[in-house]
Amino acid sequence: QVQLVESGGGLVQAGGSLRLSCAASGPTFSDCAMGWFRQAPGKEREFVATINRYGSYSDYADSVKGRFTISRDNTKNTVYLQMDSLKPDDTAVYYCAARRGVTSMSSTWYAYWGQGTQVTVSS
C-alpha cells in the first residue's frame, strides 16, 4: 500500500555530493520506518541507512557513517539521503524501502521498494 519513487542519482566526482529523494504515496507512510539500501554490480544488496517513523532515530552502515545523512519530511511524504564526500566505492544502485514498524538493517524486513536510482562516483 506504499509506493516509492527514488530520484537524484547521477554521476559525480570523488569528494562531491548528491542528495537522493524518495517520494512516497499511500495512507500508511507515516506509520513506516524507512531505509536506504544499495547494490553494486556483482555484490549483494547492503544496508546504508534507516530512520524511524518520526525522524527521531536513525542509524547508518559503518562505511557511510559521518558522510551520509538520512532525513524525512512527513508533511511532504519524502525521505532524503544526503551523501557527502563520495567515494568510488559508493557507486551502486540505491533503493528506498519502507516497512510498517521499527527500523531494521535487514532488507528482508522491508515490504515496499522503489525502482532504484544509479549513483556513479568517478575517481
PDB file of N, CA and C in Angstrom:
ATOM      1  N   GLN A   1       0.796  -1.205   0.000  1.00  0.00           N
ATOM      2  CA  GLN A   1       0.000   0.000   0.000  1.00  0.00           C
ATOM      3  C   GLN A   1       0.840   1.271   0.000  1.00  0.00           C
ATOM      4  N   VAL A   2       2.176   1.132  -0.086  1.00  0.00           N
ATOM      5  CA  VAL A   2       3.085   2.266  -0.160  1.00  0.00           C
ATOM      6  C   VAL A   2       3.852   2.165  -1.469  1.00  0.00           C
ATOM      7  N   GLN A   3       3.820   3.220  -2.252  1.00  0.00           N
ATOM      8  CA  GLN A   3       4.570   3.299  -3.489  1.00  0.00           C
ATOM      9  C   GLN A   3       5.728   4.273  -3.306  1.00  0.00           C
ATOM     10  N   LEU A   4       6.915   3.893  -3.791  1.00  0.00           N
ATOM     11  CA  LEU A   4       8.128   4.660  -3.572  1.00  0.00           C
ATOM     12  C   LEU A   4       8.815   4.928  -4.900  1.00  0.00           C
ATOM     13  N   VAL A   5       9.276   6.160  -5.100  1.00  0.00           N
ATOM     14  CA  VAL A   5       9.984   6.555  -6.312  1.00  0.00           C
ATOM     15  C   VAL A   5      11.223   7.338  -5.917  1.00  0.00           C
ATOM     16  N   GLU A   6      12.405   6.803  -6.265  1.00  0.00           N
ATOM     17  CA  GLU A   6      13.661   7.481  -5.977  1.00  0.00           C
ATOM     18  C   GLU A   6      14.034   8.428  -7.107  1.00  0.00           C
ATOM     19  N   SER A   7      14.784   9.466  -6.753  1.00  0.00           N
ATOM     20  CA  SER A   7      15.336  10.382  -7.737  1.00  0.00           C
ATOM     21  C   SER A   7      16.591  11.022  -7.162  1.00  0.00           C
ATOM     22  N   GLY A   8      17.363  11.674  -8.009  1.00  0.00           N
ATOM     23  CA  GLY A   8      18.533  12.412  -7.567  1.00  0.00           C
ATOM     24  C   GLY A   8      19.861  11.753  -7.854  1.00  0.00           C
ATOM     25  N   GLY A   9      19.852  10.539  -8.378  1.00  0.00           N
ATOM     26  CA  GLY A   9      21.100   9.882  -8.707  1.00  0.00           C
ATOM     27  C   GLY A   9      21.767  10.523  -9.906  1.00  0.00           C
ATOM     28  N   GLY A  10      23.016  10.144 -10.134  1.00  0.00           N
ATOM     29  CA  GLY A  10      23.758  10.685 -11.250  1.00  0.00           C
ATOM     30  C   GLY A  10      25.230  10.386 -11.142  1.00  0.00           C
ATOM     31  N   LEU A  11      26.009  11.088 -11.946  1.00  0.00           N
ATOM     32  CA  LEU A  11      27.461  10.937 -11.989  1.00  0.00           C
ATOM     33  C   LEU A  11      28.102  12.104 -11.253  1.00  0.00           C
ATOM     34  N   VAL A  12      29.026  11.794 -10.356  1.00  0.00           N
ATOM     35  CA  VAL A  12      29.698  12.817  -9.572  1.00  0.00           C
ATOM     36  C   VAL A  12      31.153  12.408  -9.367  1.00  0.00           C
ATOM     37  N   GLN A  13      32.031  13.384  -9.255  1.00  0.00           N
ATOM     38  CA  GLN A  13      33.433  13.105  -8.985  1.00  0.00           C
ATOM     39  C   GLN A  13      33.643  12.764  -7.512  1.00  0.00           C
ATOM     40  N   ALA A  14      34.680  11.990  -7.245  1.00  0.00           N
ATOM     41  CA  ALA A  14      35.038  11.673  -5.866  1.00  0.00           C
ATOM     42  C   ALA A  14      35.201  12.951  -5.050  1.00  0.00           C
ATOM     43  N   GLY A  15      34.650  12.922  -3.840  1.00  0.00           N
ATOM     44  CA  GLY A  15      34.656  14.088  -2.985  1.00  0.00           C
ATOM     45  C   GLY A  15      33.438  14.968  -3.121  1.00  0.00           C
ATOM     46  N   GLY A  16      32.619  14.718  -4.124  1.00  0.00           N
ATOM     47  CA  GLY A  16      31.432  15.504  -4.355  1.00  0.00           C
ATOM     48  C   GLY A  16      30.252  15.026  -3.534  1.00  0.00           C
ATOM     49  N   SER A  17      29.092  15.632  -3.808  1.00  0.00           N
ATOM     50  CA  SER A  17      27.884  15.362  -3.040  1.00  0.00           C
ATOM     51  C   SER A  17      26.695  15.131  -3.956  1.00  0.00           C
ATOM     52  N   LEU A  18      25.756  14.348  -3.470  1.00  0.00           N
ATOM     53  CA  LEU A  18      24.457  14.153  -4.095  1.00  0.00           C
ATOM     54  C   LEU A  18      23.407  14.051  -3.006  1.00  0.00           C
ATOM     55  N   ARG A  19      22.192  14.451  -3.322  1.00  0.00           N
ATOM     56  CA  ARG A  19      21.066  14.230  -2.429  1.00  0.00           C
ATOM     57  C   ARG A  19      20.013  13.414  -3.151  1.00  0.00           C
ATOM     58  N   LEU A  20      19.732  12.236  -2.622  1.00  0.00           N
ATOM     59  CA  LEU A  20      18.691  11.382  -3.156  1.00  0.00           C
ATOM     60  C   LEU A  20      17.368  11.683  -2.461  1.00  0.00           C
ATOM     61  N   SER A  21      16.289  11.593  -3.213  1.00  0.00           N
ATOM     62  CA  SER A  21      14.953  11.768  -2.671  1.00  0.00           C
ATOM     63  C   SER A  21      14.136  10.517  -2.932  1.00  0.00           C
ATOM     64  N   CYS A  22      13.233  10.229  -2.026  1.00  0.00           N
ATOM     65  CA  CYS A  22      12.312   9.111  -2.163  1.00  0.00           C
ATOM     66  C   CYS A  22      10.923   9.636  -1.877  1.00  0.00           C
ATOM     67  N   ALA A  23      10.113   9.747  -2.912  1.00  0.00           N
ATOM     68  CA  ALA A  23       8.746  10.229  -2.783  1.00  0.00           C
ATOM     69  C   ALA A  23       7.822   9.052  -2.552  1.00  0.00           C
ATOM     70  N   ALA A  24       7.036   9.118  -1.489  1.00  0.00           N
ATOM     71  CA  ALA A  24       6.144   8.036  -1.105  1.00  0.00           C
ATOM     72  C   ALA A  24       4.700   8.451  -1.278  1.00  0.00           C
ATOM     73  N   SER A  25       3.882   7.493  -1.618  1.00  0.00           N
ATOM     74  CA  SER A  25       2.444   7.702  -1.679  1.00  0.00           C
ATOM     75  C   SER A  25       1.742   6.549  -0.979  1.00  0.00           C
ATOM     76  N   GLY A  26       0.561   6.827  -0.471  1.00  0.00           N
ATOM     77  CA  GLY A  26      -0.192   5.830   0.259  1.00  0.00           C
ATOM     78  C   GLY A  26      -0.529   6.306   1.657  1.00  0.00           C
ATOM     79  N   PRO A  27      -1.580   5.778   2.235  1.00  0.00           N
ATOM     80  CA  PRO A  27      -2.062   6.280   3.525  1.00  0.00           C
ATOM     81  C   PRO A  27      -1.227   5.882   4.722  1.00  0.00           C
ATOM     82  N   THR A  28      -0.300   4.930   4.581  1.00  0.00           N
ATOM     83  CA  THR A  28       0.442   4.415   5.717  1.00  0.00           C
ATOM     84  C   THR A  28       1.873   4.912   5.798  1.00  0.00           C
ATOM     85  N   PHE A  29       2.266   5.907   5.018  1.00  0.00           N
ATOM     86  CA  PHE A  29       3.651   6.373   5.000  1.00  0.00           C
ATOM     87  C   PHE A  29       4.130   6.761   6.393  1.00  0.00           C
ATOM     88  N   SER A  30       3.328   7.507   7.137  1.00  0.00           N
ATOM     89  CA  SER A  30       3.744   7.985   8.446  1.00  0.00           C
ATOM     90  C   SER A  30       3.850   6.870   9.474  1.00  0.00           C
ATOM     91  N   ASP A  31       3.341   5.689   9.177  1.00  0.00           N
ATOM     92  CA  ASP A  31       3.480   4.531  10.056  1.00  0.00           C
ATOM     93  C   ASP A  31       4.747   3.733   9.778  1.00  0.00           C
ATOM     94  N   CYS A  32       5.490   4.117   8.751  1.00  0.00           N
ATOM     95  CA  CYS A  32       6.586   3.297   8.260  1.00  0.00           C
ATOM     96  C   CYS A  32       7.950   3.819   8.682  1.00  0.00           C
ATOM     97  N   ALA A  33       8.801   2.898   9.107  1.00  0.00           N
ATOM     98  CA  ALA A  33      10.229   3.163   9.116  1.00  0.00           C
ATOM     99  C   ALA A  33      10.741   3.078   7.684  1.00  0.00           C
ATOM    100  N   MET A  34      11.761   3.869   7.374  1.00  0.00           N
ATOM    101  CA  MET A  34      12.293   3.933   6.023  1.00  0.00           C
ATOM    102  C   MET A  34      13.755   3.536   6.023  1.00  0.00           C
ATOM    103  N   GLY A  35      14.194   2.997   4.908  1.00  0.00           N
ATOM    104  CA  GLY A  35      15.582   2.607   4.768  1.00  0.00           C
ATOM    105  C   GLY A  35      16.121   2.915   3.392  1.00  0.00           C
ATOM    106  N   TRP A  36      17.426   3.077   3.325  1.00  0.00           N
ATOM    107  CA  TRP A  36      18.153   3.144   2.064  1.00  0.00           C
ATOM    108  C   TRP A  36      19.101   1.956   1.993  1.00  0.00           C
ATOM    109  N   PHE A  37      19.098   1.281   0.856  1.00  0.00           N
ATOM    110  CA  PHE A  37      19.992   0.173   0.568  1.00  0.00           C
ATOM    111  C   PHE A  37      20.668   0.430  -0.765  1.00  0.00           C
ATOM    112  N   ARG A  38      21.757  -0.267  -1.019  1.00  0.00           N
ATOM    113  CA  ARG A  38      22.443  -0.109  -2.294  1.00  0.00           C
ATOM    114  C   ARG A  38      22.978  -1.450  -2.767  1.00  0.00           C
ATOM    115  N   GLN A  39      23.154  -1.562  -4.080  1.00  0.00           N
ATOM    116  CA  GLN A  39      23.661  -2.782  -4.671  1.00  0.00           C
ATOM    117  C   GLN A  39      24.585  -2.428  -5.831  1.00  0.00           C
ATOM    118  N   ALA A  40      25.831  -2.852  -5.719  1.00  0.00           N
ATOM    119  CA  ALA A  40      26.818  -2.674  -6.767  1.00  0.00           C
ATOM    120  C   ALA A  40      26.850  -3.922  -7.643  1.00  0.00           C
ATOM    121  N   PRO A  41      27.330  -3.810  -8.888  1.00  0.00           N
ATOM    122  CA  PRO A  41      27.396  -4.984  -9.765  1.00  0.00           C
ATOM    123  C   PRO A  41      28.181  -6.124  -9.140  1.00  0.00           C
ATOM    124  N   GLY A  42      27.600  -7.315  -9.160  1.00  0.00           N
ATOM    125  CA  GLY A  42      28.247  -8.487  -8.606  1.00  0.00           C
ATOM    126  C   GLY A  42      28.241  -8.575  -7.102  1.00  0.00           C
ATOM    127  N   LYS A  43      27.587  -7.630  -6.426  1.00  0.00           N
ATOM    128  CA  LYS A  43      27.549  -7.600  -4.971  1.00  0.00           C
ATOM    129  C   LYS A  43      26.128  -7.835  -4.471  1.00  0.00           C
ATOM    130  N   GLU A  44      26.024  -8.246  -3.214  1.00  0.00           N
ATOM    131  CA  GLU A  44      24.727  -8.363  -2.578  1.00  0.00           C
ATOM    132  C   GLU A  44      24.218  -6.981  -2.178  1.00  0.00           C
ATOM    133  N   ARG A  45      22.902  -6.866  -2.070  1.00  0.00           N
ATOM    134  CA  ARG A  45      22.322  -5.632  -1.591  1.00  0.00           C
ATOM    135  C   ARG A  45      22.727  -5.403  -0.135  1.00  0.00           C
ATOM    136  N   GLU A  46      23.155  -4.171   0.180  1.00  0.00           N
ATOM    137  CA  GLU A  46      23.633  -3.879   1.515  1.00  0.00           C
ATOM    138  C   GLU A  46      22.912  -2.684   2.119  1.00  0.00           C
ATOM    139  N   PHE A  47      22.837  -2.701   3.427  1.00  0.00           N
ATOM    140  CA  PHE A  47      22.203  -1.644   4.193  1.00  0.00           C
ATOM    141  C   PHE A  47      23.029  -0.369   4.132  1.00  0.00           C
ATOM    142  N   VAL A  48      22.353   0.773   4.040  1.00  0.00           N
ATOM    143  CA  VAL A  48      23.011   2.076   4.051  1.00  0.00           C
ATOM    144  C   VAL A  48      22.563   2.902   5.256  1.00  0.00           C
ATOM    145  N   ALA A  49      21.257   3.107   5.406  1.00  0.00           N
ATOM    146  CA  ALA A  49      20.748   3.958   6.472  1.00  0.00           C
ATOM    147  C   ALA A  49      19.287   3.643   6.719  1.00  0.00           C
ATOM    148  N   THR A  50      18.803   3.961   7.924  1.00  0.00           N
ATOM    149  CA  THR A  50      17.400   3.793   8.257  1.00  0.00           C
ATOM    150  C   THR A  50      16.965   4.911   9.184  1.00  0.00           C
ATOM    151  N   ILE A  51      15.672   5.197   9.197  1.00  0.00           N
ATOM    152  CA  ILE A  51      15.100   6.251  10.025  1.00  0.00           C
ATOM    153  C   ILE A  51      13.719   5.806  10.473  1.00  0.00           C
ATOM    154  N   ASN A  52      13.368   6.138  11.716  1.00  0.00           N
ATOM    155  CA  ASN A  52      12.080   5.710  12.228  1.00  0.00           C
ATOM    156  C   ASN A  52      10.956   6.599  11.717  1.00  0.00           C
ATOM    157  N   ARG A  53       9.730   6.248  12.078  1.00  0.00           N
ATOM    158  CA  ARG A  53       8.553   6.903  11.518  1.00  0.00           C
ATOM    159  C   ARG A  53       8.486   8.392  11.843  1.00  0.00           C
ATOM    160  N   TYR A  54       9.061   8.798  12.972  1.00  0.00           N
ATOM    161  CA  TYR A  54       9.005  10.188  13.404  1.00  0.00           C
ATOM    162  C   TYR A  54      10.224  11.008  12.983  1.00  0.00           C
ATOM    163  N   GLY A  55      11.262  10.347  12.485  1.00  0.00           N
ATOM    164  CA  GLY A  55      12.507  11.031  12.200  1.00  0.00           C
ATOM    165  C   GLY A  55      13.343  11.316  13.424  1.00  0.00           C
ATOM    166  N   SER A  56      13.023  10.684  14.550  1.00  0.00           N
ATOM    167  CA  SER A  56      13.730  10.925  15.800  1.00  0.00           C
ATOM    168  C   SER A  56      14.894   9.974  16.039  1.00  0.00           C
ATOM    169  N   TYR A  57      15.030   8.952  15.233  1.00  0.00           N
ATOM    170  CA  TYR A  57      16.103   7.978  15.363  1.00  0.00           C
ATOM    171  C   TYR A  57      16.580   7.578  13.982  1.00  0.00           C
ATOM    172  N   SER A  58      17.883   7.444  13.837  1.00  0.00           N
ATOM    173  CA  SER A  58      18.460   6.972  12.585  1.00  0.00           C
ATOM    174  C   SER A  58      19.702   6.153  12.872  1.00  0.00           C
ATOM    175  N   ASP A  59      20.077   5.325  11.907  1.00  0.00           N
ATOM    176  CA  ASP A  59      21.263   4.503  12.038  1.00  0.00           C
ATOM    177  C   ASP A  59      21.884   4.339  10.660  1.00  0.00           C
ATOM    178  N   TYR A  60      23.189   4.040  10.640  1.00  0.00           N
ATOM    179  CA  TYR A  60      23.941   4.005   9.403  1.00  0.00           C
ATOM    180  C   TYR A  60      24.902   2.836   9.370  1.00  0.00           C
ATOM    181  N   ALA A  61      25.199   2.379   8.156  1.00  0.00           N
ATOM    182  CA  ALA A  61      26.289   1.441   7.980  1.00  0.00           C
ATOM    183  C   ALA A  61      27.610   2.122   8.318  1.00  0.00           C
ATOM    184  N   ASP A  62      28.550   1.348   8.855  1.00  0.00           N
ATOM    185  CA  ASP A  62      29.840   1.922   9.223  1.00  0.00           C
ATOM    186  C   ASP A  62      30.541   2.564   8.029  1.00  0.00           C
ATOM    187  N   SER A  63      30.327   2.028   6.842  1.00  0.00           N
ATOM    188  CA  SER A  63      31.011   2.520   5.660  1.00  0.00           C
ATOM    189  C   SER A  63      30.584   3.925   5.246  1.00  0.00           C
ATOM    190  N   VAL A  64      29.407   4.379   5.704  1.00  0.00           N
ATOM    191  CA  VAL A  64      28.908   5.693   5.318  1.00  0.00           C
ATOM    192  C   VAL A  64      28.746   6.631   6.500  1.00  0.00           C
ATOM    193  N   LYS A  65      28.942   6.149   7.707  1.00  0.00           N
ATOM    194  CA  LYS A  65      28.746   6.961   8.902  1.00  0.00           C
ATOM    195  C   LYS A  65      29.662   8.183   8.873  1.00  0.00           C
ATOM    196  N   GLY A  66      29.082   9.338   9.141  1.00  0.00           N
ATOM    197  CA  GLY A  66      29.825  10.579   9.097  1.00  0.00           C
ATOM    198  C   GLY A  66      29.820  11.254   7.745  1.00  0.00           C
ATOM    199  N   ARG A  67      29.410  10.543   6.702  1.00  0.00           N
ATOM    200  CA  ARG A  67      29.370  11.102   5.355  1.00  0.00           C
ATOM    201  C   ARG A  67      27.942  11.234   4.819  1.00  0.00           C
ATOM    202  N   PHE A  68      27.067  10.305   5.192  1.00  0.00           N
ATOM    203  CA  PHE A  68      25.687  10.299   4.712  1.00  0.00           C
ATOM    204  C   PHE A  68      24.747  10.707   5.841  1.00  0.00           C
ATOM    205  N   THR A  69      23.638  11.355   5.482  1.00  0.00           N
ATOM    206  CA  THR A  69      22.615  11.743   6.443  1.00  0.00           C
ATOM    207  C   THR A  69      21.245  11.408   5.876  1.00  0.00           C
ATOM    208  N   ILE A  70      20.470  10.631   6.627  1.00  0.00           N
ATOM    209  CA  ILE A  70      19.102  10.318   6.245  1.00  0.00           C
ATOM    210  C   ILE A  70      18.159  11.253   6.993  1.00  0.00           C
ATOM    211  N   SER A  71      17.114  11.694   6.322  1.00  0.00           N
ATOM    212  CA  SER A  71      16.117  12.551   6.942  1.00  0.00           C
ATOM    213  C   SER A  71      14.772  12.296   6.276  1.00  0.00           C
ATOM    214  N   ARG A  72      13.709  12.801   6.892  1.00  0.00           N
ATOM    215  CA  ARG A  72      12.388  12.658   6.294  1.00  0.00           C
ATOM    216  C   ARG A  72      11.543  13.876   6.607  1.00  0.00           C
ATOM    217  N   ASP A  73      10.604  14.148   5.724  1.00  0.00           N
ATOM    218  CA  ASP A  73       9.640  15.217   5.893  1.00  0.00           C
ATOM    219  C   ASP A  73       8.270  14.591   5.688  1.00  0.00           C
ATOM    220  N   ASN A  74       7.589  14.287   6.780  1.00  0.00           N
ATOM    221  CA  ASN A  74       6.313  13.593   6.684  1.00  0.00           C
ATOM    222  C   ASN A  74       5.209  14.473   6.098  1.00  0.00           C
ATOM    223  N   THR A  75       5.384  15.792   6.150  1.00  0.00           N
ATOM    224  CA  THR A  75       4.408  16.670   5.517  1.00  0.00           C
ATOM    225  C   THR A  75       4.480  16.591   4.005  1.00  0.00           C
ATOM    226  N   LYS A  76       5.621  16.157   3.476  1.00  0.00           N
ATOM    227  CA  LYS A  76       5.812  16.001   2.036  1.00  0.00           C
ATOM    228  C   LYS A  76       5.889  14.544   1.607  1.00  0.00           C
ATOM    229  N   ASN A  77       5.745  13.625   2.547  1.00  0.00           N
ATOM    230  CA  ASN A  77       5.851  12.189   2.253  1.00  0.00           C
ATOM    231  C   ASN A  77       7.144  11.871   1.507  1.00  0.00           C
ATOM    232  N   THR A  78       8.252  12.415   1.999  1.00  0.00           N
ATOM    233  CA  THR A  78       9.525  12.283   1.310  1.00  0.00           C
ATOM    234  C   THR A  78      10.635  11.939   2.292  1.00  0.00           C
ATOM    235  N   VAL A  79      11.512  11.038   1.871  1.00  0.00           N
ATOM    236  CA  VAL A  79      12.715  10.670   2.608  1.00  0.00           C
ATOM    237  C   VAL A  79      13.916  11.063   1.769  1.00  0.00           C
ATOM    238  N   TYR A  80      14.973  11.525   2.430  1.00  0.00           N
ATOM    239  CA  TYR A  80      16.164  12.001   1.745  1.00  0.00           C
ATOM    240  C   TYR A  80      17.398  11.244   2.212  1.00  0.00           C
ATOM    241  N   LEU A  81      18.380  11.183   1.336  1.00  0.00           N
ATOM    242  CA  LEU A  81      19.705  10.701   1.698  1.00  0.00           C
ATOM    243  C   LEU A  81      20.721  11.701   1.165  1.00  0.00           C
ATOM    244  N   GLN A  82      21.279  12.492   2.065  1.00  0.00           N
ATOM    245  CA  GLN A  82      22.329  13.433   1.706  1.00  0.00           C
ATOM    246  C   GLN A  82      23.660  12.705   1.746  1.00  0.00           C
ATOM    247  N   MET A  83      24.378  12.683   0.633  1.00  0.00           N
ATOM    248  CA  MET A  83      25.630  11.953   0.504  1.00  0.00           C
ATOM    249  C   MET A  83      26.744  12.950   0.232  1.00  0.00           C
ATOM    250  N   ASP A  84      27.682  13.041   1.153  1.00  0.00           N
ATOM    251  CA  ASP A  84      28.828  13.933   1.043  1.00  0.00           C
ATOM    252  C   ASP A  84      30.113  13.119   1.007  1.00  0.00           C
ATOM    253  N   SER A  85      31.181  13.748   0.548  1.00  0.00           N
ATOM    254  CA  SER A  85      32.495  13.105   0.478  1.00  0.00           C
ATOM    255  C   SER A  85      32.412  11.747  -0.204  1.00  0.00           C
ATOM    256  N   LEU A  86      31.776  11.715  -1.350  1.00  0.00           N
ATOM    257  CA  LEU A  86      31.539  10.460  -2.046  1.00  0.00           C
ATOM    258  C   LEU A  86      32.837   9.828  -2.529  1.00  0.00           C
ATOM    259  N   LYS A  87      32.841   8.503  -2.497  1.00  0.00           N
ATOM    260  CA  LYS A  87      33.984   7.701  -2.919  1.00  0.00           C
ATOM    261  C   LYS A  87      33.574   6.799  -4.074  1.00  0.00           C
ATOM    262  N   PRO A  88      34.532   6.358  -4.899  1.00  0.00           N
ATOM    263  CA  PRO A  88      34.185   5.400  -5.951  1.00  0.00           C
ATOM    264  C   PRO A  88      33.495   4.148  -5.427  1.00  0.00           C
ATOM    265  N   ASP A  89      33.820   3.708  -4.213  1.00  0.00           N
ATOM    266  CA  ASP A  89      33.183   2.529  -3.632  1.00  0.00           C
ATOM    267  C   ASP A  89      31.703   2.751  -3.321  1.00  0.00           C
ATOM    268  N   ASP A  90      31.239   3.998  -3.359  1.00  0.00           N
ATOM    269  CA  ASP A  90      29.825   4.284  -3.164  1.00  0.00           C
ATOM    270  C   ASP A  90      29.005   4.042  -4.422  1.00  0.00           C
ATOM    271  N   THR A  91      29.656   3.761  -5.538  1.00  0.00           N
ATOM    272  CA  THR A  91      28.953   3.521  -6.787  1.00  0.00           C
ATOM    273  C   THR A  91      28.042   2.312  -6.662  1.00  0.00           C
ATOM    274  N   ALA A  92      26.758   2.502  -6.935  1.00  0.00           N
ATOM    275  CA  ALA A  92      25.768   1.445  -6.791  1.00  0.00           C
ATOM    276  C   ALA A  92      24.415   1.971  -7.240  1.00  0.00           C
ATOM    277  N   VAL A  93      23.461   1.066  -7.363  1.00  0.00           N
ATOM    278  CA  VAL A  93      22.064   1.443  -7.467  1.00  0.00           C
ATOM    279  C   VAL A  93      21.528   1.580  -6.049  1.00  0.00           C
ATOM    280  N   TYR A  94      20.931   2.713  -5.753  1.00  0.00           N
ATOM    281  CA  TYR A  94      20.405   2.990  -4.427  1.00  0.00           C
ATOM    282  C   TYR A  94      18.896   2.818  -4.422  1.00  0.00           C
ATOM    283  N   TYR A  95      18.399   2.082  -3.426  1.00  0.00           N
ATOM    284  CA  TYR A  95      16.986   1.762  -3.302  1.00  0.00           C
ATOM    285  C   TYR A  95      16.417   2.329  -2.013  1.00  0.00           C
ATOM    286  N   CYS A  96      15.238   2.888  -2.112  1.00  0.00           N
ATOM    287  CA  CYS A  96      14.457   3.307  -0.967  1.00  0.00           C
ATOM    288  C   CYS A  96      13.496   2.187  -0.593  1.00  0.00           C
ATOM    289  N   ALA A  97      13.292   1.974   0.708  1.00  0.00           N
ATOM    290  CA  ALA A  97      12.426   0.908   1.171  1.00  0.00           C
ATOM    291  C   ALA A  97      11.632   1.360   2.387  1.00  0.00           C
ATOM    292  N   ALA A  98      10.479   0.724   2.602  1.00  0.00           N
ATOM    293  CA  ALA A  98       9.597   1.064   3.709  1.00  0.00           C
ATOM    294  C   ALA A  98       9.082  -0.199   4.374  1.00  0.00           C
ATOM    295  N   ARG A  99       8.861  -0.113   5.688  1.00  0.00           N
ATOM    296  CA  ARG A  99       8.239  -1.197   6.422  1.00  0.00           C
ATOM    297  C   ARG A  99       7.369  -0.631   7.532  1.00  0.00           C
ATOM    298  N   ARG A 100       6.294  -1.309   7.834  1.00  0.00           N
ATOM    299  CA  ARG A 100       5.472  -0.952   8.979  1.00  0.00           C
ATOM    300  C   ARG A 100       6.204  -1.365  10.243  1.00  0.00           C
ATOM    301  N   GLY A 101       6.410  -0.410  11.149  1.00  0.00           N
ATOM    302  CA  GLY A 101       7.045  -0.727  12.411  1.00  0.00           C
ATOM    303  C   GLY A 101       8.392  -0.060  12.575  1.00  0.00           C
ATOM    304  N   VAL A 102       9.275  -0.736  13.325  1.00  0.00           N
ATOM    305  CA  VAL A 102      10.540  -0.152  13.740  1.00  0.00           C
ATOM    306  C   VAL A 102      11.591  -0.282  12.655  1.00  0.00           C
ATOM    307  N   THR A 103      12.700   0.435  12.834  1.00  0.00           N
ATOM    308  CA  THR A 103      13.797   0.402  11.883  1.00  0.00           C
ATOM    309  C   THR A 103      14.461  -0.963  11.870  1.00  0.00           C
ATOM    310  N   SER A 104      15.127  -1.261  10.769  1.00  0.00           N
ATOM    311  CA  SER A 104      15.859  -2.508  10.617  1.00  0.00           C
ATOM    312  C   SER A 104      17.009  -2.294   9.654  1.00  0.00           C
ATOM    313  N   MET A 105      18.081  -3.050   9.860  1.00  0.00           N
ATOM    314  CA  MET A 105      19.219  -3.052   8.953  1.00  0.00           C
ATOM    315  C   MET A 105      19.138  -4.167   7.920  1.00  0.00           C
ATOM    316  N   SER A 106      18.118  -5.004   8.007  1.00  0.00           N
ATOM    317  CA  SER A 106      17.976  -6.157   7.133  1.00  0.00           C
ATOM    318  C   SER A 106      16.965  -5.870   6.035  1.00  0.00           C
ATOM    319  N   SER A 107      17.360  -6.104   4.788  1.00  0.00           N
ATOM    320  CA  SER A 107      16.464  -5.862   3.670  1.00  0.00           C
ATOM    321  C   SER A 107      15.237  -6.757   3.693  1.00  0.00           C
ATOM    322  N   THR A 108      15.326  -7.921   4.341  1.00  0.00           N
ATOM    323  CA  THR A 108      14.217  -8.862   4.354  1.00  0.00           C
ATOM    324  C   THR A 108      13.030  -8.358   5.157  1.00  0.00           C
ATOM    325  N   TRP A 109      13.222  -7.365   5.988  1.00  0.00           N
ATOM    326  CA  TRP A 109      12.139  -6.824   6.808  1.00  0.00           C
ATOM    327  C   TRP A 109      11.349  -5.716   6.109  1.00  0.00           C
ATOM    328  N   TYR A 110      11.773  -5.301   4.947  1.00  0.00           N
ATOM    329  CA  TYR A 110      11.107  -4.207   4.235  1.00  0.00           C
ATOM    330  C   TYR A 110      10.186  -4.758   3.163  1.00  0.00           C
ATOM    331  N   ALA A 111       8.934  -4.344   3.205  1.00  0.00           N
ATOM    332  CA  ALA A 111       7.927  -4.874   2.300  1.00  0.00           C
ATOM    333  C   ALA A 111       7.791  -4.072   1.010  1.00  0.00           C
ATOM    334  N   TYR A 112       8.153  -2.793   1.033  1.00  0.00           N
ATOM    335  CA  TYR A 112       7.924  -1.905  -0.094  1.00  0.00           C
ATOM    336  C   TYR A 112       9.243  -1.330  -0.573  1.00  0.00           C
ATOM    337  N   TRP A 113       9.422  -1.327  -1.898  1.00  0.00           N
ATOM    338  CA  TRP A 113      10.685  -0.908  -2.510  1.00  0.00           C
ATOM    339  C   TRP A 113      10.453  -0.011  -3.707  1.00  0.00           C
ATOM    340  N   GLY A 114      11.339   0.957  -3.879  1.00  0.00           N
ATOM    341  CA  GLY A 114      11.352   1.753  -5.083  1.00  0.00           C
ATOM    342  C   GLY A 114      12.104   1.057  -6.198  1.00  0.00           C
ATOM    343  N   GLN A 115      12.184   1.722  -7.340  1.00  0.00           N
ATOM    344  CA  GLN A 115      12.808   1.125  -8.522  1.00  0.00           C
ATOM    345  C   GLN A 115      14.318   1.276  -8.546  1.00  0.00           C
ATOM    346  N   GLY A 116      14.868   2.127  -7.698  1.00  0.00           N
ATOM    347  CA  GLY A 116      16.298   2.352  -7.637  1.00  0.00           C
ATOM    348  C   GLY A 116      16.741   3.528  -8.479  1.00  0.00           C
ATOM    349  N   THR A 117      17.849   4.141  -8.073  1.00  0.00           N
ATOM    350  CA  THR A 117      18.463   5.225  -8.828  1.00  0.00           C
ATOM    351  C   THR A 117      19.972   5.023  -8.816  1.00  0.00           C
ATOM    352  N   GLN A 118      20.595   5.201  -9.975  1.00  0.00           N
ATOM    353  CA  GLN A 118      22.020   4.918 -10.134  1.00  0.00           C
ATOM    354  C   GLN A 118      22.861   6.068  -9.616  1.00  0.00           C
ATOM    355  N   VAL A 119      23.849   5.740  -8.797  1.00  0.00           N
ATOM    356  CA  VAL A 119      24.856   6.690  -8.337  1.00  0.00           C
ATOM    357  C   VAL A 119      26.215   6.187  -8.808  1.00  0.00           C
ATOM    358  N   THR A 120      26.926   7.010  -9.558  1.00  0.00           N
ATOM    359  CA  THR A 120      28.248   6.657 -10.060  1.00  0.00           C
ATOM    360  C   THR A 120      29.239   7.717  -9.615  1.00  0.00           C
ATOM    361  N   VAL A 121      30.303   7.284  -8.949  1.00  0.00           N
ATOM    362  CA  VAL A 121      31.325   8.188  -8.431  1.00  0.00           C
ATOM    363  C   VAL A 121      32.624   7.887  -9.159  1.00  0.00           C
ATOM    364  N   SER A 122      33.145   8.863  -9.863  1.00  0.00           N
ATOM    365  CA  SER A 122      34.373   8.698 -10.624  1.00  0.00           C
ATOM    366  C   SER A 122      35.566   9.165  -9.805  1.00  0.00           C
ATOM    367  N   SER A 123      36.722   8.547 -10.052  1.00  0.00           N
ATOM    368  CA  SER A 123      37.938   8.890  -9.330  1.00  0.00           C
ATOM    369  C   SER A 123      38.732   9.956 -10.054  1.00  0.00           C
TER     370      SER A 123
END
